[in-house]
Amino acid sequence: MKILCLPYNYQRQETAQITLPDVQYAGKPLYPPQGQPIIVKPDTAYLNNNKPFFIPHHTTLVAAKAQMALRIGKMGRNIDERFALRYINGIGTAVDIVAQNLLLQCEQQRAPWSMATGFDGSAPVSGFIEDITEADNSEVVMRINDAEKQRFTTSSLLLGAAQVVTYTSRFFTLHTGDIILTGSPCEQIYLNINDVIDVTLNDTPMMHFRIK
């Protein structure tokens, strides 16, 4: 099982300052026109059942974004967008956690991001709802210590659920149980020990866990 994350799947104000390579498949451009980075987290990053997240020893600054999560229900690669929703068997939520100070070091050194983005427990994930009809029109809200910190609707994302599946399957074979985090336009929130995280999807409680 792997976790695929689309960190920039939303309109960025600083887009004009970013230069990403054009990406094509079979001679056709992939969307969005400048391509979309994909971060891969290993199965050891997966944290479920509302288990606490332990801030790792290698960082002093962790930041988080709540996101919608798609669960893949069958294997596929190079999936046509017309059939992409058939490969999703559940939607849920996740919190993408990044070791922010380590990430800045990686960026400065032009080094891979894996240690900053894919460390153990860096992807707490909720359970899943099998009804995916509202995947492109769902509201995700994250509260920390009962105070709302993030709120967005998935309709604001650049790539919808079907497009996300099609796009990621161009680069990675999707397997049953894989999870795709679809991105968030919200600002990152820094986490502290003893924070309590709650995430809802369309007002349905999905996650409740503590930072330790």
Protein backbone atom coordinates (compact mmCIF):
# COMPACT_ATOMS: atom_id res chain seq x y z
CA MET A 1 0.00 0.00 0.00
CA LYS A 2 1.24 3.46 -0.86
CA ILE A 3 -0.04 6.97 -0.30
CA LEU A 4 0.12 9.47 -3.17
CA CYS A 5 -0.17 13.18 -2.38
CA LEU A 6 -0.86 16.09 -4.72
CA PRO A 7 0.48 19.07 -2.74
CA TYR A 8 -0.31 21.75 -5.34
CA ASN A 9 -3.74 20.66 -6.55
CA TYR A 10 -5.22 24.14 -6.17
CA GLN A 11 -4.78 27.61 -7.62
CA ARG A 12 -1.66 29.17 -6.12
CA GLN A 13 -1.20 32.92 -5.95
CA GLU A 14 2.50 32.51 -6.63
CA THR A 15 1.92 30.35 -9.73
CA ALA A 16 3.73 32.86 -11.92
CA GLN A 17 6.92 32.29 -9.92
CA ILE A 18 6.85 28.51 -10.33
CA THR A 19 8.29 26.69 -13.32
CA LEU A 20 7.38 23.03 -13.56
CA PRO A 21 8.33 20.87 -16.55
CA ASP A 22 5.63 20.20 -19.12
CA VAL A 23 4.53 16.59 -18.80
CA GLN A 24 3.08 14.57 -21.64
CA TYR A 25 1.79 11.05 -22.03
CA ALA A 26 1.41 9.36 -25.40
CA GLY A 27 2.08 12.72 -27.05
CA LYS A 28 -0.74 14.47 -25.19
CA PRO A 29 -0.27 17.02 -22.40
CA LEU A 30 -1.33 15.97 -18.94
CA TYR A 31 -3.38 18.37 -16.87
CA PRO A 32 -2.82 20.86 -15.45
CA PRO A 33 -0.72 22.22 -18.35
CA GLN A 34 2.46 22.58 -16.29
CA GLY A 35 2.15 19.20 -14.61
CA GLN A 36 1.43 18.36 -10.98
CA PRO A 37 4.04 17.09 -8.51
CA ILE A 38 3.23 13.83 -6.74
CA ILE A 39 4.68 12.98 -3.33
CA VAL A 40 4.82 9.29 -2.42
CA LYS A 41 4.54 8.21 1.20
CA PRO A 42 5.35 4.59 2.16
CA ASP A 43 3.01 2.33 4.08
CA THR A 44 4.89 3.14 7.29
CA ALA A 45 3.53 6.70 7.04
CA TYR A 46 -0.03 5.35 7.34
CA LEU A 47 -1.67 6.03 10.70
CA ASN A 48 -5.26 4.90 11.28
CA ASN A 49 -7.87 4.25 13.97
CA ASN A 50 -7.27 7.69 15.52
CA LYS A 51 -3.94 6.61 16.94
CA PRO A 52 -1.88 9.50 18.33
CA PHE A 53 0.75 11.15 16.16
CA PHE A 54 4.15 11.33 17.83
CA ILE A 55 6.31 14.26 16.75
CA PRO A 56 9.51 12.56 15.54
CA HIS A 57 12.92 13.25 17.03
CA HIS A 58 14.35 14.49 13.75
CA THR A 59 12.21 17.64 13.64
CA THR A 60 11.09 20.45 15.89
CA LEU A 61 8.51 21.93 13.55
CA VAL A 62 5.64 19.92 12.05
CA ALA A 63 2.95 21.42 9.86
CA ALA A 64 -0.31 19.86 8.69
CA LYS A 65 -3.12 20.15 6.16
CA ALA A 66 -6.41 18.27 6.23
CA GLN A 67 -7.35 16.76 2.89
CA MET A 68 -9.87 14.50 1.23
CA ALA A 69 -8.58 10.95 0.74
CA LEU A 70 -9.55 8.56 -2.05
CA ARG A 71 -9.26 4.80 -1.48
CA ILE A 72 -8.45 2.70 -4.54
CA GLY A 73 -10.59 -0.41 -4.95
CA LYS A 74 -8.87 -2.24 -7.78
CA MET A 75 -5.60 -2.28 -9.68
CA GLY A 76 -5.17 -0.04 -12.69
CA ARG A 77 -2.68 1.97 -14.72
CA ASN A 78 -3.10 4.56 -17.47
CA ILE A 79 -6.75 4.79 -16.44
CA ASP A 80 -9.09 6.61 -18.76
CA GLU A 81 -10.89 9.47 -17.04
CA ARG A 82 -14.26 8.12 -18.25
CA PHE A 83 -13.79 5.04 -16.06
CA ALA A 84 -11.68 6.50 -13.25
CA LEU A 85 -14.46 6.72 -10.65
CA ARG A 86 -14.88 2.94 -10.91
CA TYR A 87 -11.45 2.59 -9.30
CA ILE A 88 -12.47 4.51 -6.16
CA ASN A 89 -14.30 2.54 -3.47
CA GLY A 90 -14.36 5.13 -0.71
CA ILE A 91 -13.74 8.73 0.27
CA GLY A 92 -12.45 9.91 3.62
CA THR A 93 -10.10 12.43 5.14
CA ALA A 94 -6.43 12.56 6.00
CA VAL A 95 -3.97 14.93 7.60
CA ASP A 96 -0.78 15.40 5.59
CA ILE A 97 2.01 16.11 8.08
CA VAL A 98 5.37 17.56 7.03
CA ALA A 99 8.60 18.12 8.97
CA GLN A 100 8.74 21.75 7.93
CA ASN A 101 12.26 22.64 9.06
CA LEU A 102 13.67 19.54 7.37
CA LEU A 103 11.68 20.29 4.23
CA LEU A 104 13.25 23.75 4.03
CA GLN A 105 16.71 22.18 4.30
CA CYS A 106 15.88 19.72 1.52
CA GLU A 107 14.64 22.52 -0.71
CA GLN A 108 17.75 24.61 -0.10
CA GLN A 109 20.00 21.65 -0.87
CA ARG A 110 17.82 20.51 -3.80
CA ALA A 111 17.61 17.14 -2.08
CA PRO A 112 14.70 14.67 -2.19
CA TRP A 113 11.85 15.47 0.19
CA SER A 114 11.23 11.92 1.45
CA MET A 115 12.64 12.38 4.96
CA ALA A 116 10.51 15.49 5.43
CA THR A 117 7.26 14.19 3.92
CA GLY A 118 7.24 10.40 4.24
CA PHE A 119 8.44 9.64 7.75
CA ASP A 120 6.63 7.21 10.06
CA GLY A 121 3.08 8.27 10.92
CA SER A 122 3.07 11.32 8.64
CA ALA A 123 -0.26 10.37 7.06
CA PRO A 124 -3.07 9.92 9.61
CA VAL A 125 -6.09 8.65 7.65
CA SER A 126 -9.75 8.26 8.60
CA GLY A 127 -12.15 5.48 7.79
CA PHE A 128 -13.92 5.63 4.43
CA ILE A 129 -17.43 6.29 3.14
CA GLU A 130 -18.40 4.07 0.21
CA ASP A 131 -20.75 6.64 -1.35
CA ILE A 132 -18.43 8.69 -3.58
CA THR A 133 -21.11 10.76 -5.36
CA GLU A 134 -20.09 13.91 -3.46
CA ALA A 135 -16.35 13.47 -3.97
CA ASP A 136 -16.10 16.66 -6.01
CA ASN A 137 -18.42 18.70 -3.81
CA SER A 138 -17.43 17.85 -0.25
CA GLU A 139 -16.44 20.12 2.59
CA VAL A 140 -13.43 19.30 4.75
CA VAL A 141 -12.99 21.05 8.10
CA MET A 142 -10.12 20.66 10.55
CA ARG A 143 -10.30 21.86 14.14
CA ILE A 144 -7.46 21.99 16.62
CA ASN A 145 -8.43 22.08 20.29
CA ASP A 146 -12.02 22.81 19.19
CA ALA A 147 -10.98 25.91 17.19
CA GLU A 148 -11.59 25.81 13.44
CA LYS A 149 -8.30 26.12 11.53
CA GLN A 150 -9.02 24.90 8.00
CA ARG A 151 -12.13 24.71 5.83
CA PHE A 152 -12.43 24.13 2.09
CA THR A 153 -14.61 22.39 -0.49
CA THR A 154 -13.21 19.87 -2.93
CA SER A 155 -14.89 21.76 -5.79
CA SER A 156 -12.08 24.33 -5.39
CA LEU A 157 -9.38 21.82 -6.36
CA LEU A 158 -7.80 21.94 -9.82
CA LEU A 159 -8.21 18.21 -10.44
CA GLY A 160 -11.40 16.42 -9.42
CA ALA A 161 -11.52 12.85 -8.14
CA ALA A 162 -11.62 11.20 -11.58
CA GLN A 163 -8.82 13.42 -12.89
CA VAL A 164 -6.67 12.70 -9.85
CA VAL A 165 -6.99 8.95 -10.42
CA THR A 166 -6.23 9.30 -14.12
CA TYR A 167 -3.25 11.57 -13.52
CA THR A 168 -1.58 9.51 -10.79
CA SER A 169 -2.12 6.28 -12.74
CA ARG A 170 0.01 7.68 -15.57
CA PHE A 171 3.06 7.45 -13.32
CA PHE A 172 2.20 4.74 -10.77
CA THR A 173 0.24 1.53 -11.05
CA LEU A 174 -2.59 1.88 -8.54
CA HIS A 175 -3.21 -1.12 -6.31
CA THR A 176 -6.16 -2.09 -4.15
CA GLY A 177 -5.84 -0.23 -0.86
CA ASP A 178 -3.70 2.61 -2.17
CA ILE A 179 -4.74 6.06 -0.92
CA ILE A 180 -4.58 9.37 -2.78
CA LEU A 181 -4.58 12.67 -0.89
CA THR A 182 -6.14 15.22 -3.20
CA GLY A 183 -4.62 18.44 -1.84
CA SER A 184 -5.86 21.51 0.01
CA PRO A 185 -5.84 25.27 -0.65
CA CYS A 186 -5.57 26.04 3.07
CA GLU A 187 -2.49 27.38 4.81
CA GLN A 188 -0.47 24.86 6.77
CA ILE A 189 -1.08 24.73 10.51
CA TYR A 190 1.78 24.07 12.91
CA LEU A 191 1.19 21.35 15.49
CA ASN A 192 2.19 21.20 19.12
CA ILE A 193 2.33 18.46 21.71
CA ASN A 194 -1.10 17.82 23.32
CA ASP A 195 -3.02 19.37 20.42
CA VAL A 196 -6.25 17.50 19.67
CA ILE A 197 -7.15 17.22 15.98
CA ASP A 198 -10.71 16.79 14.69
CA VAL A 199 -11.57 16.49 11.00
CA THR A 200 -15.05 16.34 9.47
CA LEU A 201 -16.26 15.55 5.97
CA ASN A 202 -19.61 17.15 5.15
CA ASP A 203 -20.19 17.61 8.88
CA THR A 204 -19.57 13.91 9.55
CA PRO A 205 -16.86 13.35 12.19
CA MET A 206 -14.03 11.42 10.57
CA MET A 207 -10.91 11.89 12.72
CA HIS A 208 -10.13 12.63 16.36
CA PHE A 209 -6.56 12.14 17.53
CA ARG A 210 -3.91 13.72 19.72
CA ILE A 211 -0.40 15.03 19.06
CA LYS A 212 2.23 13.62 21.40
